[in-house]
């Protein structure tokens, strides 16, 4: 069969969403391409989403829309806490999660732990619009090691933990950071009244087993678990997140209260997240709520999960 002419017009990044669904992103240039000790990392300049970080063939962040993902991940948990001063970040190589954490005036220190030093250094050099100097902030402690080992051994305690990891692919470095045992380690290092936010994968139509299993796993440890989602254009899907706490419930905060806390506590301008957006994030459709309520699979070290 002759390949259609439209496949010859551009270079394409092939991003496999599942075994049955593939999306192609037209790219102008591959700016960097290297295989680290842990993964295949690329920086590509796309026609639609600008410069993107790609790990193992999957877009992690796009220049044009990364703020949607990072604001949704960081701010609901940070604003739910009355005074977040010490923050733990697992992953977050682009530095954008660190950037949004430092928008909160109360933060005194953030410890970011990413296993792949080569990727972080690549992002520091090539993605300045993502991190906006957050790595140079005097409040930042950036460590290159296994986040699970760090959180198990550290004597530090945190008000907020933000788990910003790549999806748990079969051979990826993050697979054992999605288990009940890891989440328990994080909980043990939260101060009383602490809260955790977790990047939880696709939540729209495909690969939902990861989102559901994270929900059930967090519920096995925390008293208050709140799933939420937002559409991220460069992912071409709805993307899921969770907050988990024994005392804090972001879903109960009304739009006016969110806006008031943003005005009092956040420096700089948010481009996606505000009080009305917050309400929408936690307003899941009935189809999804029903499936979440029925999902019972708990992810453990003995039975880890993997997405395609």
Protein backbone atom coordinates (compact mmCIF):
# COMPACT_ATOMS: atom_id res chain seq x y z
CA UNK A 1 0.00 0.00 0.00
CA UNK A 2 1.38 3.43 -0.96
CA UNK A 3 1.90 5.79 1.96
CA UNK A 4 -0.42 8.83 1.71
CA UNK A 5 1.25 12.04 0.59
CA UNK A 6 0.43 13.86 3.81
CA UNK A 7 2.89 11.69 5.72
CA UNK A 8 5.71 13.19 3.65
CA UNK A 9 5.06 16.83 4.48
CA UNK A 10 6.71 16.87 7.92
CA UNK A 11 8.84 14.94 10.31
CA UNK A 12 6.65 13.21 12.85
CA UNK A 13 6.93 12.21 16.47
CA UNK A 14 5.00 8.98 16.98
CA UNK A 15 3.38 8.91 20.43
CA UNK A 16 1.65 5.63 21.24
CA UNK A 17 -1.23 6.27 23.61
CA UNK A 18 -2.18 2.60 23.76
CA UNK A 19 -1.74 -0.57 21.75
CA UNK A 20 -4.58 0.59 19.53
CA UNK A 21 -4.19 4.36 19.36
CA UNK A 22 -1.27 6.43 18.09
CA UNK A 23 -0.94 10.18 17.65
CA UNK A 24 1.59 11.98 15.46
CA UNK A 25 3.08 15.36 16.28
CA UNK A 26 4.64 17.33 13.44
CA UNK A 27 8.13 18.44 14.46
CA UNK A 28 10.40 21.15 13.11
CA UNK A 29 13.63 19.97 14.69
CA UNK A 30 15.02 17.43 17.12
CA UNK A 31 17.14 19.70 19.30
CA UNK A 32 18.63 17.05 21.58
CA UNK A 33 18.53 13.26 21.49
CA UNK A 34 20.30 11.09 24.03
CA UNK A 35 19.91 7.87 25.95
CA UNK A 36 20.66 8.26 29.64
CA UNK A 37 21.24 5.53 32.17
CA UNK A 38 17.50 5.43 32.81
CA UNK A 39 15.60 6.48 29.67
CA UNK A 40 15.63 7.88 26.16
CA UNK A 41 15.39 11.69 26.34
CA UNK A 42 14.64 14.13 23.55
CA UNK A 43 14.00 17.85 23.25
CA UNK A 44 11.94 18.49 20.12
CA UNK A 45 10.48 21.62 18.58
CA UNK A 46 6.91 20.88 17.46
CA UNK A 47 4.67 22.87 15.16
CA UNK A 48 1.69 22.84 17.53
CA UNK A 49 3.04 22.83 21.09
CA UNK A 50 6.46 24.42 20.76
CA UNK A 51 9.50 22.89 22.44
CA UNK A 52 8.67 19.62 24.22
CA UNK A 53 10.41 17.22 26.56
CA UNK A 54 9.96 13.65 25.32
CA UNK A 55 10.90 10.64 27.44
CA UNK A 56 10.81 7.14 25.97
CA UNK A 57 8.76 8.43 23.05
CA UNK A 58 6.09 10.16 25.15
CA UNK A 59 5.62 13.90 25.51
CA UNK A 60 6.07 14.94 29.14
CA UNK A 61 5.60 18.70 28.73
CA UNK A 62 4.88 21.08 25.90
CA UNK A 63 6.05 24.70 25.90
CA UNK A 64 2.65 26.08 24.88
CA UNK A 65 0.49 24.25 27.44
CA UNK A 66 2.68 22.92 30.27
CA UNK A 67 1.18 25.51 32.61
CA UNK A 68 -2.17 23.67 32.50
CA UNK A 69 -0.63 20.46 33.80
CA UNK A 70 1.70 22.03 36.36
CA UNK A 71 -0.79 24.50 37.83
CA UNK A 72 -3.34 21.68 38.19
CA UNK A 73 -0.81 19.41 39.88
CA UNK A 74 0.62 21.92 42.33
CA UNK A 75 -1.91 24.52 43.43
CA UNK A 76 -4.95 22.56 44.71
CA UNK A 77 -2.83 20.83 47.35
CA UNK A 78 -0.70 23.87 48.15
CA UNK A 79 -3.74 26.09 48.64
CA UNK A 80 -5.57 23.48 50.69
CA UNK A 81 -2.74 23.60 53.23
CA UNK A 82 -2.99 26.60 55.60
CA UNK A 83 0.74 27.43 55.46
CA UNK A 84 2.95 25.20 53.27
CA UNK A 85 6.57 25.85 54.20
CA UNK A 86 8.42 22.61 53.39
CA UNK A 87 7.70 20.75 50.15
CA UNK A 88 8.94 17.44 48.75
CA UNK A 89 8.89 16.91 44.97
CA UNK A 90 9.48 13.47 43.47
CA UNK A 91 10.51 13.81 39.82
CA UNK A 92 9.66 17.07 38.09
CA UNK A 93 12.76 17.19 35.89
CA UNK A 94 11.65 20.19 33.83
CA UNK A 95 11.67 22.38 36.93
CA UNK A 96 8.14 23.66 36.26
CA UNK A 97 6.71 21.96 39.33
CA UNK A 98 9.46 23.57 41.40
CA UNK A 99 8.63 26.89 39.73
CA UNK A 100 4.96 26.71 40.71
CA UNK A 101 5.75 25.61 44.26
CA UNK A 102 7.93 28.69 44.66
CA UNK A 103 5.05 30.92 43.61
CA UNK A 104 3.73 30.33 47.14
CA UNK A 105 5.10 33.01 49.45
CA UNK A 106 5.05 30.76 52.52
CA UNK A 107 7.51 28.21 51.10
CA UNK A 108 10.85 28.14 52.90
CA UNK A 109 12.35 25.06 51.27
CA UNK A 110 11.57 22.59 48.50
CA UNK A 111 13.49 19.35 48.06
CA UNK A 112 13.26 18.04 44.49
CA UNK A 113 14.51 14.48 43.98
CA UNK A 114 14.93 13.17 40.44
CA UNK A 115 16.84 10.02 39.59
CA UNK A 116 18.04 11.18 36.17
CA UNK A 117 20.64 13.93 36.51
CA UNK A 118 21.26 14.02 32.77
CA UNK A 119 17.61 14.80 32.02
CA UNK A 120 17.43 17.51 34.68
CA UNK A 121 20.60 19.15 33.38
CA UNK A 122 19.21 18.98 29.84
CA UNK A 123 16.03 20.70 31.02
CA UNK A 124 17.96 23.34 32.95
CA UNK A 125 19.86 24.22 29.80
CA UNK A 126 17.18 23.87 27.12
CA UNK A 127 13.87 24.65 28.87
CA UNK A 128 14.38 28.03 30.57
CA UNK A 129 10.76 29.07 29.93
CA UNK A 130 9.66 26.01 31.91
CA UNK A 131 11.69 26.41 35.09
CA UNK A 132 12.17 30.21 34.94
CA UNK A 133 15.19 30.11 37.20
CA UNK A 134 13.60 27.91 39.89
CA UNK A 135 16.72 25.75 40.12
CA UNK A 136 18.71 28.81 41.19
CA UNK A 137 16.24 29.78 43.91
CA UNK A 138 17.98 29.70 47.30
CA UNK A 139 15.04 27.70 48.69
CA UNK A 140 15.69 24.81 46.28
CA UNK A 141 17.54 21.62 47.17
CA UNK A 142 17.88 19.45 44.06
CA UNK A 143 19.03 15.87 44.53
CA UNK A 144 19.83 13.22 41.93
CA UNK A 145 18.85 9.91 43.43
CA UNK A 146 16.01 7.46 43.80
CA UNK A 147 13.13 9.40 45.38
CA UNK A 148 11.98 6.28 47.20
CA UNK A 149 15.36 5.77 48.83
CA UNK A 150 15.52 9.45 49.76
CA UNK A 151 12.08 9.62 51.37
CA UNK A 152 12.72 6.38 53.28
CA UNK A 153 15.98 7.67 54.76
CA UNK A 154 15.48 11.42 55.23
CA UNK A 155 14.84 12.91 58.61
CA UNK A 156 13.09 15.91 57.07
CA UNK A 157 9.34 16.39 57.38
CA UNK A 158 7.16 18.10 54.82
CA UNK A 159 3.89 19.99 54.68
CA UNK A 160 3.20 19.06 51.06
CA UNK A 161 4.49 16.29 48.80
CA UNK A 162 4.12 16.56 45.02
CA UNK A 163 4.63 13.33 43.09
CA UNK A 164 5.43 14.37 39.53
CA UNK A 165 6.76 11.20 37.93
CA UNK A 166 6.73 9.74 34.45
CA UNK A 167 4.10 7.05 33.94
CA UNK A 168 4.93 3.59 35.34
CA UNK A 169 5.99 1.92 32.09
CA UNK A 170 7.27 -1.65 32.29
CA UNK A 171 11.00 -0.88 32.24
CA UNK A 172 10.84 2.76 33.38
CA UNK A 173 12.53 4.23 36.47
CA UNK A 174 9.27 5.28 38.18
CA UNK A 175 7.34 2.01 38.36
CA UNK A 176 8.06 1.29 42.05
CA UNK A 177 7.06 4.84 43.01
CA UNK A 178 3.40 4.13 42.38
CA UNK A 179 2.94 1.46 45.02
CA UNK A 180 1.20 1.36 48.38
CA UNK A 181 4.57 0.98 50.07
CA UNK A 182 5.97 4.14 48.46
CA UNK A 183 2.90 6.22 49.26
CA UNK A 184 3.11 5.03 52.87
CA UNK A 185 6.74 6.17 53.03
CA UNK A 186 5.68 9.62 51.82
CA UNK A 187 2.82 9.78 54.31
CA UNK A 188 5.20 8.92 57.12
CA UNK A 189 7.29 11.99 56.23
CA UNK A 190 4.37 14.40 56.10
CA UNK A 191 3.86 16.68 59.08
CA UNK A 192 0.48 16.54 60.86
CA UNK A 193 -2.05 18.19 58.57
CA UNK A 194 0.07 17.44 55.50
CA UNK A 195 -1.15 16.67 52.01
CA UNK A 196 0.15 14.88 48.93
CA UNK A 197 -0.58 15.53 45.23
CA UNK A 198 -0.03 12.77 42.68
CA UNK A 199 0.21 12.83 38.89
CA UNK A 200 -2.10 9.94 38.01
CA UNK A 201 -2.04 9.44 34.24
CA UNK A 202 -4.75 9.37 31.63
CA UNK A 203 -8.31 9.75 32.86
CA UNK A 204 -10.29 10.30 29.68
CA UNK A 205 -10.96 7.17 27.69
CA UNK A 206 -7.97 4.80 27.49
CA UNK A 207 -5.44 3.37 29.96
CA UNK A 208 -7.78 4.21 32.84
CA UNK A 209 -6.63 1.24 34.93
CA UNK A 210 -3.70 3.31 36.22
CA UNK A 211 -5.92 6.19 37.37
CA UNK A 212 -8.35 3.81 39.05
CA UNK A 213 -5.62 1.78 40.76
CA UNK A 214 -3.87 4.88 42.13
CA UNK A 215 -7.21 5.99 43.57
CA UNK A 216 -7.76 2.65 45.34
CA UNK A 217 -4.15 2.53 46.53
CA UNK A 218 -4.25 5.99 48.07
CA UNK A 219 -7.58 5.17 49.75
CA UNK A 220 -5.91 2.22 51.46
CA UNK A 221 -3.57 4.68 53.24
CA UNK A 222 -5.23 8.11 53.51
CA UNK A 223 -8.60 9.12 54.94
CA UNK A 224 -9.36 11.81 52.33
CA UNK A 225 -8.55 11.03 48.68
CA UNK A 226 -9.81 13.33 45.93
CA UNK A 227 -9.39 12.46 42.25
CA UNK A 228 -9.54 15.26 39.69
CA UNK A 229 -8.69 15.90 36.06
CA UNK A 230 -7.91 18.50 33.41
CA UNK A 231 -7.55 18.43 29.64
CA UNK A 232 -3.93 18.82 28.51
CA UNK A 233 -3.81 19.54 24.76
CA UNK A 234 -0.31 18.17 24.10
CA UNK A 235 -1.35 14.90 25.77
CA UNK A 236 -4.53 14.91 23.64
CA UNK A 237 -6.50 13.57 26.58
CA UNK A 238 -7.90 14.33 29.99
CA UNK A 239 -5.22 13.91 32.63
CA UNK A 240 -5.80 12.65 36.14
CA UNK A 241 -4.45 13.73 39.51
CA UNK A 242 -5.16 12.98 43.17
CA UNK A 243 -4.78 14.73 46.47
CA UNK A 244 -4.43 12.58 49.58
CA UNK A 245 -4.53 13.65 53.22
CA UNK A 246 -5.91 12.66 56.59
CA UNK A 247 -7.34 16.10 57.26
CA UNK A 248 -7.32 18.40 54.20
CA UNK A 249 -9.95 18.29 51.46
CA UNK A 250 -9.37 20.62 48.49
CA UNK A 251 -12.68 19.59 46.93
CA UNK A 252 -14.57 21.37 49.72
CA UNK A 253 -13.02 24.75 48.97
CA UNK A 254 -15.37 27.09 47.15
CA UNK A 255 -14.27 29.32 44.22
CA UNK A 256 -14.26 32.49 46.31
CA UNK A 257 -12.02 30.94 48.95
CA UNK A 258 -9.59 29.67 46.31
CA UNK A 259 -9.40 33.13 44.71
CA UNK A 260 -8.85 34.74 48.11
CA UNK A 261 -6.00 32.37 48.93
CA UNK A 262 -4.42 32.93 45.52
CA UNK A 263 -4.54 36.71 46.06
CA UNK A 264 -3.02 36.44 49.53
CA UNK A 265 -0.47 33.69 49.03
CA UNK A 266 0.56 33.33 45.37
CA UNK A 267 3.03 35.62 43.61
CA UNK A 268 2.88 35.93 39.84
CA UNK A 269 0.03 35.23 37.46
CA UNK A 270 -1.68 31.88 37.04
CA UNK A 271 -2.82 31.23 33.49
CA UNK A 272 -5.09 28.21 33.96
CA UNK A 273 -6.04 27.79 37.60
CA UNK A 274 -8.44 29.90 39.67
CA UNK A 275 -11.52 29.35 41.81
CA UNK A 276 -13.87 28.43 38.97
CA UNK A 277 -11.26 26.16 37.38
CA UNK A 278 -10.74 24.50 40.77
CA UNK A 279 -14.41 23.63 41.00
CA UNK A 280 -14.29 22.19 37.48
CA UNK A 281 -11.22 20.06 38.21
CA UNK A 282 -13.04 18.14 40.92
CA UNK A 283 -16.36 17.87 39.02
CA UNK A 284 -15.85 14.42 37.53
CA UNK A 285 -18.48 12.95 35.20
CA UNK A 286 -20.78 10.31 36.63
CA UNK A 287 -19.29 7.58 34.40
CA UNK A 288 -15.87 8.15 35.91
CA UNK A 289 -17.15 8.45 39.48
CA UNK A 290 -18.94 5.12 39.18
CA UNK A 291 -15.85 3.36 37.85
CA UNK A 292 -13.67 4.88 40.55
CA UNK A 293 -16.04 3.66 43.25
CA UNK A 294 -15.91 0.11 41.86
CA UNK A 295 -12.14 -0.08 41.42
CA UNK A 296 -10.47 -2.07 44.19
CA UNK A 297 -7.01 -2.91 42.81
CA UNK A 298 -4.28 -1.79 45.18
CA UNK A 299 -0.80 -1.37 43.68
CA UNK A 300 1.91 -3.03 45.77
CA UNK A 301 5.60 -3.80 45.44
CA UNK A 302 4.65 -7.44 44.83
CA UNK A 303 2.07 -6.42 42.21
CA UNK A 304 3.16 -3.16 40.54
CA UNK A 305 1.25 -1.62 37.69
CA UNK A 306 2.42 -0.65 34.22
CA UNK A 307 0.85 1.41 31.49
CA UNK A 308 1.40 0.81 27.82
